[in-house]
Protein backbone atom coordinates (compact mmCIF):
# COMPACT_ATOMS: atom_id res chain seq x y z
CA MET A 1 0.00 0.00 0.00
CA SER A 2 1.37 3.38 -1.00
CA GLU A 3 1.99 6.13 1.53
CA PRO A 4 -0.96 8.28 0.32
CA GLU A 5 -3.27 5.25 0.63
CA GLU A 6 -2.02 4.56 4.18
CA ILE A 7 -2.64 8.18 5.15
CA ALA A 8 -6.15 8.08 3.64
CA GLN A 9 -6.94 4.87 5.57
CA GLU A 10 -5.75 6.41 8.85
CA VAL A 11 -7.89 9.48 8.22
CA ASP A 12 -10.94 7.28 7.55
CA GLU A 13 -10.31 5.30 10.77
CA ASP A 14 -9.91 8.49 12.81
CA ALA A 15 -13.06 9.96 11.27
CA GLY A 16 -14.97 6.79 12.11
CA GLN A 17 -13.74 6.90 15.71
CA ILE A 18 -14.72 10.57 16.04
CA SER A 19 -18.14 9.87 14.49
CA GLY A 20 -18.69 6.98 16.89
CA ASP A 21 -17.66 9.04 19.90
CA TYR A 22 -19.94 11.87 18.75
CA ARG A 23 -22.93 9.54 18.47
CA GLN A 24 -22.16 8.03 21.86
CA ASP A 25 -21.87 11.46 23.49
CA ASN A 26 -25.14 12.56 21.89
CA MET A 27 -26.90 9.39 23.06
CA SER A 28 -25.54 9.86 26.60
CA ALA A 29 -26.79 13.45 26.66
CA PHE A 30 -30.17 12.35 25.30
CA LEU A 31 -30.55 9.60 27.92
CA LYS A 32 -29.56 11.99 30.71
CA TYR A 33 -32.00 14.60 29.40
CA THR A 34 -34.82 12.03 29.15
CA PHE A 35 -34.07 10.56 32.58
CA GLU A 36 -34.19 13.95 34.25
CA TRP A 37 -37.49 14.86 32.58
CA LYS A 38 -39.10 11.56 33.64
CA CYS A 39 -38.14 12.32 37.22
CA PHE A 40 -40.66 15.18 37.18
CA TYR A 41 -43.48 12.67 36.80
CA ASN A 42 -42.71 11.39 40.28
CA GLU A 43 -44.08 13.60 43.04
CA GLU A 44 -41.34 12.38 45.38
CA TYR A 45 -38.87 14.27 43.16
CA PHE A 46 -40.13 17.52 44.69
CA GLU A 47 -38.02 16.85 47.79
CA GLU A 48 -34.98 16.29 45.58
CA ILE A 49 -35.57 19.60 43.79
CA HIS A 50 -35.97 21.36 47.12
CA LYS A 51 -32.67 19.98 48.43
CA ASN A 52 -30.89 20.97 45.22
CA SER A 53 -32.26 24.51 45.40
CA LEU A 54 -30.93 24.95 48.94
CA HIS A 55 -27.47 23.84 47.87
CA GLY A 56 -27.32 25.85 44.65
CA GLU A 57 -27.43 22.74 42.48
CA LEU A 58 -30.30 23.73 40.19
CA ARG A 59 -27.93 25.48 37.79
CA ALA A 60 -26.90 22.04 36.56
CA SER A 61 -30.48 21.08 35.69
CA SER A 62 -31.64 21.07 32.08
CA PHE A 63 -35.09 22.04 33.36
CA ARG A 64 -34.25 24.78 35.82
CA SER A 65 -37.34 26.82 34.94
CA VAL A 66 -39.60 23.81 35.55
CA CYS A 67 -37.91 23.23 38.91
CA TRP A 68 -38.65 26.77 40.05
CA GLN A 69 -42.23 26.60 38.82
CA ILE A 70 -42.71 23.50 40.97
CA LEU A 71 -40.95 25.05 43.97
CA LEU A 72 -43.08 28.20 43.70
CA ASN A 73 -46.22 26.06 43.52
CA ILE A 74 -47.07 27.23 40.01
CA LEU A 75 -46.94 23.66 38.78
CA THR A 76 -48.54 21.06 41.05
CA TYR A 77 -49.24 17.37 40.84
CA PRO A 78 -52.82 16.16 40.25
CA ASP A 79 -54.65 15.40 43.51
CA SER A 80 -51.48 16.02 45.48
CA LYS A 81 -51.73 15.35 49.21
CA LYS A 82 -48.01 15.66 49.90
CA LYS A 83 -46.89 18.27 52.40
CA LYS A 84 -44.33 20.57 50.84
CA PRO A 85 -41.04 21.31 52.64
CA SER A 86 -41.13 24.50 54.64
CA ALA A 87 -40.21 27.61 52.65
CA GLU A 88 -38.75 29.06 55.83
CA VAL A 89 -35.68 26.83 55.71
CA GLY A 90 -32.67 29.11 55.35
CA LEU A 91 -30.00 28.78 52.69
CA ASP A 92 -27.39 28.36 55.40
CA ASN A 93 -29.27 25.60 57.24
CA GLU A 94 -26.62 23.02 58.06
CA ASN A 95 -29.23 20.33 58.70
CA VAL A 96 -30.49 20.30 55.14
CA PRO A 97 -29.55 16.92 53.61
CA LYS A 98 -27.24 16.96 50.63
CA PRO A 99 -28.87 16.26 47.24
CA SER A 100 -28.44 12.81 45.76
CA SER A 101 -27.84 11.98 42.12
CA LEU A 102 -30.67 9.47 41.82
CA CYS A 103 -34.32 10.03 40.97
CA PRO A 104 -36.33 8.51 43.87
CA GLY A 105 -39.29 6.24 43.29
CA GLU A 106 -40.78 4.99 40.05
CA CYS A 107 -42.41 6.90 37.20
CA PRO A 108 -46.18 6.59 36.79
CA ASP A 109 -47.65 4.83 33.77
CA GLU A 110 -47.93 6.55 30.40
CA ALA A 111 -51.53 7.68 30.96
CA ASP A 112 -50.64 9.43 34.22
CA GLN A 113 -47.58 11.01 32.61
CA LYS A 114 -49.76 12.43 29.86
CA SER A 115 -52.23 13.72 32.44
CA ILE A 116 -49.49 15.58 34.33
CA VAL A 117 -48.05 17.14 31.16
CA GLU A 118 -51.48 18.23 29.94
CA LYS A 119 -52.34 19.73 33.31
CA TRP A 120 -49.06 21.64 33.47
CA SER A 121 -49.32 22.84 29.88
CA GLU A 122 -52.88 24.06 30.39
CA HIS A 123 -52.00 25.84 33.64
CA ILE A 124 -48.93 27.55 32.16
CA SER A 125 -51.00 28.76 29.20
CA GLN A 126 -53.58 30.19 31.60
CA CYS A 127 -50.89 31.91 33.70
CA ARG A 128 -49.35 33.47 30.58
CA LYS A 129 -52.76 34.67 29.45
CA GLU A 130 -53.41 36.27 32.85
CA TYR A 131 -49.99 37.93 32.77
CA GLU A 132 -50.62 39.40 29.31
CA GLU A 133 -54.01 40.69 30.44
CA LEU A 134 -52.43 42.27 33.53
CA LYS A 135 -49.65 43.85 31.48
CA GLN A 136 -52.14 45.30 29.00
CA SER A 137 -54.34 46.66 31.78
CA LEU A 138 -51.34 48.55 33.19
CA GLU A 139 -50.40 50.16 29.88
CA LEU A 140 -51.65 53.74 30.06
CA ASP A 141 -51.67 56.22 27.20
CA PRO A 142 -52.35 59.65 28.74
CA THR A 143 -52.61 61.30 25.32
CA LEU A 144 -55.97 59.57 24.83
CA SER A 145 -57.51 61.48 27.72
CA LEU A 146 -59.38 64.62 26.65
CA VAL A 147 -60.04 66.00 30.15
CA ASP A 148 -56.65 65.31 31.73
CA ASN A 149 -53.49 67.40 31.65
CA PRO A 150 -49.82 66.66 32.44
CA LEU A 151 -49.80 69.09 35.40
CA SER A 152 -52.63 67.36 37.24
CA GLN A 153 -51.85 66.31 40.81
CA ASN A 154 -54.99 64.21 41.11
CA THR A 155 -53.95 60.68 42.03
CA GLU A 156 -56.68 59.35 39.74
CA SER A 157 -55.33 61.34 36.81
CA VAL A 158 -54.06 59.24 33.90
CA TRP A 159 -51.14 61.63 33.48
CA TYR A 160 -50.28 61.40 37.19
CA LYS A 161 -50.31 57.58 37.02
CA HIS A 162 -48.26 57.69 33.83
CA PHE A 163 -45.50 59.73 35.48
CA CYS A 164 -45.55 57.48 38.56
CA ASP A 165 -45.25 54.39 36.35
CA THR A 166 -42.38 55.94 34.41
CA GLU A 167 -40.54 56.74 37.63
CA LEU A 168 -41.06 53.22 38.97
CA LYS A 169 -39.80 51.63 35.73
CA THR A 170 -36.71 53.85 35.89
CA VAL A 171 -35.93 52.62 39.40
CA ILE A 172 -36.54 48.99 38.39
CA ARG A 173 -34.34 49.32 35.32
CA GLN A 174 -31.47 50.54 37.50
CA ASP A 175 -31.66 47.20 39.31
CA VAL A 176 -32.07 45.21 36.10
CA VAL A 177 -28.97 46.60 34.38
CA ARG A 178 -26.95 45.65 37.49
CA THR A 179 -28.20 42.06 37.51
CA PHE A 180 -25.24 39.68 37.20
CA PRO A 181 -23.06 42.15 35.25
CA GLY A 182 -20.54 39.40 34.55
CA LEU A 183 -23.03 37.34 32.52
CA ASP A 184 -23.74 38.33 28.93
CA PHE A 185 -27.20 36.78 29.16
CA PHE A 186 -28.20 39.62 31.50
CA ARG A 187 -25.69 42.33 30.65
CA ASN A 188 -25.82 42.50 26.85
CA ASN A 189 -29.36 41.35 26.17
CA GLU A 190 -31.83 44.21 25.82
CA HIS A 191 -34.72 41.84 25.22
CA ILE A 192 -34.11 40.00 28.50
CA GLN A 193 -33.77 43.30 30.35
CA GLN A 194 -37.09 44.52 28.97
CA LEU A 195 -38.78 41.29 30.04
CA MET A 196 -37.35 41.65 33.55
CA VAL A 197 -38.50 45.26 33.85
CA ALA A 198 -42.00 44.32 32.68
CA ILE A 199 -42.27 41.40 35.14
CA LEU A 200 -41.07 43.43 38.13
CA PHE A 201 -43.27 46.38 37.18
CA CYS A 202 -46.39 44.21 36.89
CA TYR A 203 -45.62 42.53 40.20
CA ALA A 204 -45.08 45.87 41.92
CA ARG A 205 -48.37 47.22 40.57
CA LYS A 206 -50.31 44.06 41.38
CA TYR A 207 -49.05 44.08 44.97
CA PRO A 208 -48.63 47.80 45.78
CA GLN A 209 -48.67 47.14 49.52
CA MET A 210 -45.23 45.53 49.20
CA CYS A 211 -43.76 48.72 47.71
CA TYR A 212 -40.83 48.09 45.36
CA ARG A 213 -37.39 48.60 46.89
CA GLN A 214 -33.98 48.44 45.26
CA VAL A 215 -31.82 45.52 46.37
CA SER A 216 -28.51 44.00 45.43
CA TYR A 217 -28.58 42.09 42.14
CA SER A 218 -28.00 38.75 43.90
CA GLN A 219 -31.28 39.19 45.77
CA THR A 220 -33.34 40.33 42.80
CA TRP A 221 -33.50 36.97 41.02
CA PHE A 222 -33.32 33.39 42.20
């Protein structure tokens, strides 16, 4: 066999090895991804999520947003009778057990899995609809008012509310632009910053008794 043919054969062998490793890595990632998702079908997994959140381990989850929706009781299990861990447990609680790497219990059958997914999907859609309705209800256009004026000090004035909303959004944005300045996802993403301002503004207006206060960026978001 000539030298060029030997080189070509070696290249083919190396390419085959790389291709095989690539497929194996992809399959391993797929199996890990699937395994983690199936864990959500088991209500016992809530305790695992709770432990991980207290030890800062949720950042390694492929479904971090789902974890927080479960922890915040946005997503619940059908006919759940399980008592949730106390939300008063501090982050520095030394008695909190360390998270394990295994998914406890067994997954429900396919029909129950479908029921859980459908329930969650329907509830999330409803929550998003309610949020959009709230956001739209808070959008004021003072120029549409024919009897109002920008100098009005009446607290019911559309112009007065408009200026108050603008001031609040300015304060919120000061917090938002300081959120994790070392991460490009927050720092150099105007779309994400706008979403954050809108969420915090809607929350502040929905619960005015709490009164928005500026905090350090590490306390603003989970």
